[in-house]
Amino acid sequence: MDEPARAILQGRAEKEAEALKERFKDLENVRELYVSAISPALVVHTGPGLLGLVVDPIDSETRSIVKK
């Protein structure tokens, strides 16, 4: 069965990203959850406080992203 990989991307919003991680970490199908910085080019256009969430299906046997 496939499970989603999740990443929280932040642009000068470290505390907010960690708070979002805390909300997601105990969900039933969350196995891995990463927090990472997003490109400064996006922060230039949005300003500080940018958050993004990435969800990709992962094959539970091969541990690789499922290509559709």
Protein backbone atom coordinates (compact mmCIF):
# COMPACT_ATOMS: atom_id res chain seq x y z
CA MET A 1 0.00 0.00 0.00
CA ASP A 2 1.25 3.49 -0.82
CA GLU A 3 1.75 6.06 1.88
CA PRO A 4 2.28 9.79 1.42
CA ALA A 5 5.55 11.58 2.00
CA ARG A 6 5.06 15.01 3.50
CA ALA A 7 7.24 18.05 3.61
CA ILE A 8 6.54 21.45 5.11
CA LEU A 9 8.35 24.24 3.32
CA GLN A 10 8.85 27.58 5.01
CA GLY A 11 10.11 30.99 4.06
CA ARG A 12 11.18 32.85 7.18
CA ALA A 13 8.43 31.07 9.15
CA GLU A 14 10.35 28.54 11.22
CA LYS A 15 8.06 28.66 14.27
CA GLU A 16 4.92 28.36 12.16
CA ALA A 17 6.38 25.40 10.25
CA GLU A 18 7.25 23.60 13.48
CA ALA A 19 3.72 24.27 14.81
CA LEU A 20 2.25 22.80 11.62
CA LYS A 21 4.54 19.77 11.98
CA GLU A 22 3.23 19.22 15.51
CA ARG A 23 -0.36 19.22 14.19
CA PHE A 24 0.42 16.68 11.44
CA LYS A 25 2.83 14.32 13.19
CA ASP A 26 0.20 12.28 15.03
CA LEU A 27 -2.09 11.70 12.06
CA GLU A 28 -2.71 8.04 11.34
CA ASN A 29 -0.83 7.68 8.05
CA VAL A 30 2.06 10.08 8.66
CA ARG A 31 5.29 8.10 8.69
CA GLU A 32 7.78 10.81 7.77
CA LEU A 33 7.48 14.57 7.96
CA TYR A 34 10.20 17.03 7.01
CA VAL A 35 10.60 20.77 7.47
CA SER A 36 12.78 22.61 4.97
CA ALA A 37 13.43 26.13 3.71
CA ILE A 38 11.79 27.24 0.47
CA SER A 39 13.51 29.23 -2.26
CA PRO A 40 14.21 32.86 -1.31
CA ALA A 41 12.86 33.81 -4.75
CA LEU A 42 9.36 32.90 -3.53
CA VAL A 43 9.77 34.78 -0.26
CA VAL A 44 10.69 37.91 -2.24
CA HIS A 45 7.24 37.84 -3.84
CA THR A 46 5.19 36.73 -0.83
CA GLY A 47 7.06 38.22 2.09
CA PRO A 48 8.07 36.40 5.26
CA GLY A 49 5.68 33.86 6.68
CA LEU A 50 5.35 31.65 3.61
CA LEU A 51 4.32 28.03 4.34
CA GLY A 52 3.87 25.21 1.85
CA LEU A 53 2.88 21.58 2.16
CA VAL A 54 4.07 18.87 -0.23
CA VAL A 55 2.36 15.47 -0.31
CA ASP A 56 3.60 12.74 -2.66
CA PRO A 57 2.62 9.06 -2.65
CA ILE A 58 5.46 6.72 -1.68
CA ASP A 59 5.60 3.03 -2.51
CA SER A 60 5.90 1.36 0.90
CA GLU A 61 8.02 -1.49 -0.49
CA THR A 62 10.56 0.47 -2.56
CA ARG A 63 10.40 3.70 -0.50
CA SER A 64 10.41 5.72 -3.75
CA ILE A 65 7.96 8.34 -5.04
CA VAL A 66 5.23 6.80 -7.17
CA LYS A 67 5.32 8.15 -10.73
CA LYS A 68 1.95 8.43 -12.41
